[in-house]
PDB file of N, CA and C in Angstrom:
ATOM      1  N   UNK A   1     151.737 119.107 -29.470  1.00  0.00           N
ATOM      2  CA  UNK A   1     150.887 119.284 -28.312  1.00  0.00           C
ATOM      3  C   UNK A   1     149.497 118.717 -28.622  1.00  0.00           C
ATOM      4  N   UNK A   2     148.928 118.031 -27.676  1.00  0.00           N
ATOM      5  CA  UNK A   2     147.635 117.387 -27.874  1.00  0.00           C
ATOM      6  C   UNK A   2     146.512 118.428 -27.842  1.00  0.00           C
ATOM      7  N   UNK A   3     145.589 118.312 -28.764  1.00  0.00           N
ATOM      8  CA  UNK A   3     144.460 119.236 -28.838  1.00  0.00           C
ATOM      9  C   UNK A   3     143.448 118.912 -27.733  1.00  0.00           C
ATOM     10  N   UNK A   4     142.980 119.951 -27.067  1.00  0.00           N
ATOM     11  CA  UNK A   4     142.002 119.774 -25.995  1.00  0.00           C
ATOM     12  C   UNK A   4     140.610 119.644 -26.596  1.00  0.00           C
ATOM     13  N   UNK A   5     139.893 118.601 -26.184  1.00  0.00           N
ATOM     14  CA  UNK A   5     138.533 118.400 -26.691  1.00  0.00           C
ATOM     15  C   UNK A   5     137.609 119.477 -26.134  1.00  0.00           C
ATOM     16  N   UNK A   6     136.811 120.061 -26.993  1.00  0.00           N
ATOM     17  CA  UNK A   6     135.922 121.149 -26.598  1.00  0.00           C
ATOM     18  C   UNK A   6     134.844 120.713 -25.607  1.00  0.00           C
ATOM     19  N   UNK A   7     134.389 119.458 -25.680  1.00  0.00           N
ATOM     20  CA  UNK A   7     133.377 119.000 -24.726  1.00  0.00           C
ATOM     21  C   UNK A   7     133.945 118.927 -23.311  1.00  0.00           C
ATOM     22  N   UNK A   8     135.238 118.606 -23.199  1.00  0.00           N
ATOM     23  CA  UNK A   8     135.884 118.572 -21.889  1.00  0.00           C
ATOM     24  C   UNK A   8     135.999 119.985 -21.334  1.00  0.00           C
ATOM     25  N   UNK A   9     136.381 120.916 -22.183  1.00  0.00           N
ATOM     26  CA  UNK A   9     136.505 122.313 -21.765  1.00  0.00           C
ATOM     27  C   UNK A   9     135.156 122.862 -21.328  1.00  0.00           C
ATOM     28  N   UNK A  10     134.093 122.547 -22.057  1.00  0.00           N
ATOM     29  CA  UNK A  10     132.761 123.038 -21.696  1.00  0.00           C
ATOM     30  C   UNK A  10     132.303 122.480 -20.359  1.00  0.00           C
ATOM     31  N   UNK A  11     132.585 121.219 -20.074  1.00  0.00           N
ATOM     32  CA  UNK A  11     132.167 120.651 -18.798  1.00  0.00           C
ATOM     33  C   UNK A  11     133.005 121.210 -17.651  1.00  0.00           C
ATOM     34  N   UNK A  12     134.261 121.551 -17.909  1.00  0.00           N
ATOM     35  CA  UNK A  12     135.122 122.134 -16.878  1.00  0.00           C
ATOM     36  C   UNK A  12     134.665 123.541 -16.519  1.00  0.00           C
ATOM     37  N   UNK A  13     134.021 124.224 -17.442  1.00  0.00           N
ATOM     38  CA  UNK A  13     133.553 125.590 -17.185  1.00  0.00           C
ATOM     39  C   UNK A  13     132.587 125.645 -16.008  1.00  0.00           C
ATOM     40  N   UNK A  14     131.929 124.545 -15.709  1.00  0.00           N
ATOM     41  CA  UNK A  14     130.994 124.495 -14.587  1.00  0.00           C
ATOM     42  C   UNK A  14     131.623 123.895 -13.335  1.00  0.00           C
ATOM     43  N   UNK A  15     132.908 123.582 -13.403  1.00  0.00           N
ATOM     44  CA  UNK A  15     133.590 122.926 -12.292  1.00  0.00           C
ATOM     45  C   UNK A  15     134.471 123.918 -11.538  1.00  0.00           C
ATOM     46  N   UNK A  16     134.880 123.500 -10.353  1.00  0.00           N
ATOM     47  CA  UNK A  16     135.819 124.305  -9.573  1.00  0.00           C
ATOM     48  C   UNK A  16     137.015 123.433  -9.206  1.00  0.00           C
ATOM     49  N   UNK A  17     138.154 124.083  -9.033  1.00  0.00           N
ATOM     50  CA  UNK A  17     139.390 123.366  -8.758  1.00  0.00           C
ATOM     51  C   UNK A  17     140.114 124.009  -7.582  1.00  0.00           C
ATOM     52  N   UNK A  18     140.723 123.174  -6.767  1.00  0.00           N
ATOM     53  CA  UNK A  18     141.584 123.634  -5.682  1.00  0.00           C
ATOM     54  C   UNK A  18     143.009 123.275  -6.074  1.00  0.00           C
ATOM     55  N   UNK A  19     143.867 124.284  -6.201  1.00  0.00           N
ATOM     56  CA  UNK A  19     145.267 124.078  -6.554  1.00  0.00           C
ATOM     57  C   UNK A  19     146.101 124.299  -5.292  1.00  0.00           C
ATOM     58  N   UNK A  20     146.926 123.303  -4.953  1.00  0.00           N
ATOM     59  CA  UNK A  20     147.737 123.374  -3.737  1.00  0.00           C
ATOM     60  C   UNK A  20     149.207 123.225  -4.112  1.00  0.00           C
ATOM     61  N   UNK A  21     150.004 124.238  -3.799  1.00  0.00           N
ATOM     62  CA  UNK A  21     151.440 124.185  -4.074  1.00  0.00           C
ATOM     63  C   UNK A  21     152.148 125.181  -3.172  1.00  0.00           C
ATOM     64  N   UNK A  22     153.271 124.779  -2.595  1.00  0.00           N
ATOM     65  CA  UNK A  22     154.009 125.687  -1.725  1.00  0.00           C
ATOM     66  C   UNK A  22     154.843 126.695  -2.515  1.00  0.00           C
ATOM     67  N   UNK A  23     155.005 126.481  -3.794  1.00  0.00           N
ATOM     68  CA  UNK A  23     155.721 127.420  -4.650  1.00  0.00           C
ATOM     69  C   UNK A  23     154.721 128.411  -5.251  1.00  0.00           C
ATOM     70  N   UNK A  24     154.863 129.671  -4.881  1.00  0.00           N
ATOM     71  CA  UNK A  24     153.943 130.681  -5.404  1.00  0.00           C
ATOM     72  C   UNK A  24     154.104 130.851  -6.906  1.00  0.00           C
ATOM     73  N   UNK A  25     155.303 130.566  -7.435  1.00  0.00           N
ATOM     74  CA  UNK A  25     155.530 130.639  -8.876  1.00  0.00           C
ATOM     75  C   UNK A  25     154.681 129.587  -9.587  1.00  0.00           C
ATOM     76  N   UNK A  26     154.755 128.337  -9.123  1.00  0.00           N
ATOM     77  CA  UNK A  26     153.959 127.268  -9.733  1.00  0.00           C
ATOM     78  C   UNK A  26     152.464 127.486  -9.509  1.00  0.00           C
ATOM     79  N   UNK A  27     152.113 127.964  -8.335  1.00  0.00           N
ATOM     80  CA  UNK A  27     150.713 128.235  -8.030  1.00  0.00           C
ATOM     81  C   UNK A  27     150.149 129.251  -9.012  1.00  0.00           C
ATOM     82  N   UNK A  28     150.898 130.329  -9.246  1.00  0.00           N
ATOM     83  CA  UNK A  28     150.472 131.354 -10.192  1.00  0.00           C
ATOM     84  C   UNK A  28     150.412 130.827 -11.620  1.00  0.00           C
ATOM     85  N   UNK A  29     151.387 129.991 -11.986  1.00  0.00           N
ATOM     86  CA  UNK A  29     151.421 129.419 -13.330  1.00  0.00           C
ATOM     87  C   UNK A  29     150.215 128.514 -13.571  1.00  0.00           C
ATOM     88  N   UNK A  30     149.918 127.650 -12.601  1.00  0.00           N
ATOM     89  CA  UNK A  30     148.754 126.757 -12.725  1.00  0.00           C
ATOM     90  C   UNK A  30     147.460 127.571 -12.806  1.00  0.00           C
ATOM     91  N   UNK A  31     147.369 128.574 -11.967  1.00  0.00           N
ATOM     92  CA  UNK A  31     146.164 129.413 -11.947  1.00  0.00           C
ATOM     93  C   UNK A  31     145.979 130.112 -13.285  1.00  0.00           C
ATOM     94  N   UNK A  32     147.070 130.610 -13.851  1.00  0.00           N
ATOM     95  CA  UNK A  32     147.015 131.282 -15.154  1.00  0.00           C
ATOM     96  C   UNK A  32     146.616 130.304 -16.260  1.00  0.00           C
ATOM     97  N   UNK A  33     147.235 129.116 -16.253  1.00  0.00           N
ATOM     98  CA  UNK A  33     146.961 128.129 -17.302  1.00  0.00           C
ATOM     99  C   UNK A  33     145.539 127.575 -17.225  1.00  0.00           C
ATOM    100  N   UNK A  34     145.036 127.371 -16.016  1.00  0.00           N
ATOM    101  CA  UNK A  34     143.721 126.747 -15.846  1.00  0.00           C
ATOM    102  C   UNK A  34     142.598 127.768 -15.665  1.00  0.00           C
ATOM    103  N   UNK A  35     142.949 129.028 -15.554  1.00  0.00           N
ATOM    104  CA  UNK A  35     141.980 130.078 -15.262  1.00  0.00           C
ATOM    105  C   UNK A  35     140.826 130.204 -16.229  1.00  0.00           C
ATOM    106  N   UNK A  36     141.085 129.912 -17.469  1.00  0.00           N
ATOM    107  CA  UNK A  36     140.025 130.038 -18.467  1.00  0.00           C
ATOM    108  C   UNK A  36     139.191 128.770 -18.588  1.00  0.00           C
ATOM    109  N   UNK A  37     139.656 127.698 -17.969  1.00  0.00           N
ATOM    110  CA  UNK A  37     138.955 126.419 -18.099  1.00  0.00           C
ATOM    111  C   UNK A  37     137.945 126.168 -16.985  1.00  0.00           C
ATOM    112  N   UNK A  38     138.173 126.738 -15.804  1.00  0.00           N
ATOM    113  CA  UNK A  38     137.337 126.418 -14.655  1.00  0.00           C
ATOM    114  C   UNK A  38     136.551 127.625 -14.172  1.00  0.00           C
ATOM    115  N   UNK A  39     135.364 127.371 -13.680  1.00  0.00           N
ATOM    116  CA  UNK A  39     134.485 128.412 -13.168  1.00  0.00           C
ATOM    117  C   UNK A  39     135.082 129.084 -11.940  1.00  0.00           C
ATOM    118  N   UNK A  40     135.541 128.282 -10.985  1.00  0.00           N
ATOM    119  CA  UNK A  40     136.149 128.806  -9.760  1.00  0.00           C
ATOM    120  C   UNK A  40     137.508 128.147  -9.549  1.00  0.00           C
ATOM    121  N   UNK A  41     138.480 128.952  -9.145  1.00  0.00           N
ATOM    122  CA  UNK A  41     139.795 128.423  -8.802  1.00  0.00           C
ATOM    123  C   UNK A  41     140.116 128.858  -7.381  1.00  0.00           C
ATOM    124  N   UNK A  42     140.336 127.870  -6.525  1.00  0.00           N
ATOM    125  CA  UNK A  42     140.752 128.127  -5.157  1.00  0.00           C
ATOM    126  C   UNK A  42     142.225 127.741  -5.057  1.00  0.00           C
ATOM    127  N   UNK A  43     142.994 128.452  -4.237  1.00  0.00           N
ATOM    128  CA  UNK A  43     144.405 128.127  -4.087  1.00  0.00           C
ATOM    129  C   UNK A  43     144.780 128.043  -2.612  1.00  0.00           C
ATOM    130  N   UNK A  44     145.795 127.226  -2.345  1.00  0.00           N
ATOM    131  CA  UNK A  44     146.343 127.094  -0.995  1.00  0.00           C
ATOM    132  C   UNK A  44     147.843 126.847  -1.122  1.00  0.00           C
ATOM    133  N   UNK A  45     148.610 127.305  -0.119  1.00  0.00           N
ATOM    134  CA  UNK A  45     150.072 127.183  -0.181  1.00  0.00           C
ATOM    135  C   UNK A  45     150.626 126.045   0.675  1.00  0.00           C
ATOM    136  N   UNK A  46     149.754 125.342   1.401  1.00  0.00           N
ATOM    137  CA  UNK A  46     150.210 124.180   2.159  1.00  0.00           C
ATOM    138  C   UNK A  46     149.026 123.259   2.440  1.00  0.00           C
ATOM    139  N   UNK A  47     149.333 122.093   2.963  1.00  0.00           N
ATOM    140  CA  UNK A  47     148.297 121.091   3.204  1.00  0.00           C
ATOM    141  C   UNK A  47     147.253 121.514   4.219  1.00  0.00           C
ATOM    142  N   UNK A  48     147.697 122.182   5.271  1.00  0.00           N
ATOM    143  CA  UNK A  48     146.758 122.626   6.306  1.00  0.00           C
ATOM    144  C   UNK A  48     145.759 123.629   5.739  1.00  0.00           C
ATOM    145  N   UNK A  49     146.271 124.595   4.993  1.00  0.00           N
ATOM    146  CA  UNK A  49     145.394 125.596   4.379  1.00  0.00           C
ATOM    147  C   UNK A  49     144.434 124.949   3.379  1.00  0.00           C
ATOM    148  N   UNK A  50     144.937 123.982   2.627  1.00  0.00           N
ATOM    149  CA  UNK A  50     144.096 123.278   1.652  1.00  0.00           C
ATOM    150  C   UNK A  50     142.983 122.503   2.348  1.00  0.00           C
ATOM    151  N   UNK A  51     143.331 121.817   3.441  1.00  0.00           N
ATOM    152  CA  UNK A  51     142.344 121.036   4.176  1.00  0.00           C
ATOM    153  C   UNK A  51     141.251 121.934   4.756  1.00  0.00           C
ATOM    154  N   UNK A  52     141.661 123.059   5.327  1.00  0.00           N
ATOM    155  CA  UNK A  52     140.684 124.003   5.890  1.00  0.00           C
ATOM    156  C   UNK A  52     139.770 124.567   4.797  1.00  0.00           C
ATOM    157  N   UNK A  53     140.353 124.887   3.654  1.00  0.00           N
ATOM    158  CA  UNK A  53     139.559 125.405   2.538  1.00  0.00           C
ATOM    159  C   UNK A  53     138.610 124.332   2.017  1.00  0.00           C
ATOM    160  N   UNK A  54     139.099 123.095   1.927  1.00  0.00           N
ATOM    161  CA  UNK A  54     138.260 121.989   1.467  1.00  0.00           C
ATOM    162  C   UNK A  54     137.087 121.767   2.417  1.00  0.00           C
ATOM    163  N   UNK A  55     137.337 121.854   3.730  1.00  0.00           N
ATOM    164  CA  UNK A  55     136.245 121.694   4.692  1.00  0.00           C
ATOM    165  C   UNK A  55     135.206 122.803   4.522  1.00  0.00           C
ATOM    166  N   UNK A  56     135.677 124.010   4.268  1.00  0.00           N
ATOM    167  CA  UNK A  56     134.778 125.156   4.117  1.00  0.00           C
ATOM    168  C   UNK A  56     134.001 125.106   2.798  1.00  0.00           C
ATOM    169  N   UNK A  57     134.663 124.729   1.713  1.00  0.00           N
ATOM    170  CA  UNK A  57     134.070 124.764   0.369  1.00  0.00           C
ATOM    171  C   UNK A  57     133.793 123.373  -0.182  1.00  0.00           C
ATOM    172  N   UNK A  58     133.755 122.377   0.657  1.00  0.00           N
ATOM    173  CA  UNK A  58     133.641 120.977   0.279  1.00  0.00           C
ATOM    174  C   UNK A  58     132.730 120.731  -0.925  1.00  0.00           C
ATOM    175  N   UNK A  59     131.520 121.190  -0.880  1.00  0.00           N
ATOM    176  CA  UNK A  59     130.560 120.916  -1.950  1.00  0.00           C
ATOM    177  C   UNK A  59     130.887 121.663  -3.236  1.00  0.00           C
ATOM    178  N   UNK A  60     131.715 122.706  -3.143  1.00  0.00           N
ATOM    179  CA  UNK A  60     132.040 123.514  -4.317  1.00  0.00           C
ATOM    180  C   UNK A  60     133.274 123.034  -5.067  1.00  0.00           C
ATOM    181  N   UNK A  61     134.085 122.174  -4.477  1.00  0.00           N
ATOM    182  CA  UNK A  61     135.344 121.753  -5.098  1.00  0.00           C
ATOM    183  C   UNK A  61     135.158 120.418  -5.809  1.00  0.00           C
ATOM    184  N   UNK A  62     135.418 120.421  -7.116  1.00  0.00           N
ATOM    185  CA  UNK A  62     135.268 119.214  -7.921  1.00  0.00           C
ATOM    186  C   UNK A  62     136.592 118.490  -8.141  1.00  0.00           C
ATOM    187  N   UNK A  63     137.690 119.254  -8.206  1.00  0.00           N
ATOM    188  CA  UNK A  63     138.998 118.695  -8.521  1.00  0.00           C
ATOM    189  C   UNK A  63     140.034 119.294  -7.575  1.00  0.00           C
ATOM    190  N   UNK A  64     140.978 118.472  -7.132  1.00  0.00           N
ATOM    191  CA  UNK A  64     142.099 118.974  -6.337  1.00  0.00           C
ATOM    192  C   UNK A  64     143.382 118.618  -7.072  1.00  0.00           C
ATOM    193  N   UNK A  65     144.202 119.629  -7.354  1.00  0.00           N
ATOM    194  CA  UNK A  65     145.511 119.458  -7.987  1.00  0.00           C
ATOM    195  C   UNK A  65     146.542 119.846  -6.937  1.00  0.00           C
ATOM    196  N   UNK A  66     147.407 118.906  -6.567  1.00  0.00           N
ATOM    197  CA  UNK A  66     148.326 119.178  -5.469  1.00  0.00           C
ATOM    198  C   UNK A  66     149.754 118.747  -5.784  1.00  0.00           C
ATOM    199  N   UNK A  67     150.688 119.459  -5.193  1.00  0.00           N
ATOM    200  CA  UNK A  67     152.093 119.099  -5.226  1.00  0.00           C
ATOM    201  C   UNK A  67     152.262 117.855  -4.360  1.00  0.00           C
ATOM    202  N   UNK A  68     153.243 117.032  -4.669  1.00  0.00           N
ATOM    203  CA  UNK A  68     153.432 115.803  -3.905  1.00  0.00           C
ATOM    204  C   UNK A  68     154.123 116.068  -2.573  1.00  0.00           C
ATOM    205  N   UNK A  69     155.173 116.865  -2.593  1.00  0.00           N
ATOM    206  CA  UNK A  69     155.926 117.149  -1.370  1.00  0.00           C
ATOM    207  C   UNK A  69     155.729 118.617  -0.987  1.00  0.00           C
ATOM    208  N   UNK A  70     155.238 118.801   0.233  1.00  0.00           N
ATOM    209  CA  UNK A  70     154.890 120.130   0.669  1.00  0.00           C
ATOM    210  C   UNK A  70     155.005 120.234   2.185  1.00  0.00           C
ATOM    211  N   UNK A  71     155.413 121.404   2.700  1.00  0.00           N
ATOM    212  CA  UNK A  71     155.430 121.554   4.156  1.00  0.00           C
ATOM    213  C   UNK A  71     154.020 121.687   4.723  1.00  0.00           C
ATOM    214  N   UNK A  72     153.901 121.539   6.003  1.00  0.00           N
ATOM    215  CA  UNK A  72     152.638 121.709   6.747  1.00  0.00           C
ATOM    216  C   UNK A  72     151.566 120.769   6.216  1.00  0.00           C
ATOM    217  N   UNK A  73     151.880 119.497   6.209  1.00  0.00           N
ATOM    218  CA  UNK A  73     150.883 118.502   5.812  1.00  0.00           C
ATOM    219  C   UNK A  73     150.294 117.975   7.076  1.00  0.00           C
TER     220      UNK A  73
END
């Protein structure tokens, strides 16, 4: 497994991420894995919800991680 550079982790601590996945299992797994790396984690279960959240929190979201195939796009 590749070692994570500490400078990357430190810069992520000030960032926020939006995770979008229709699978609540994967959504929870991503949130758990990335929870210690990012300052804020936002989640959405479909494209419409993600878009609405992005419009609301636009300036606060630095990264979007999304599933490729999802309902309600």
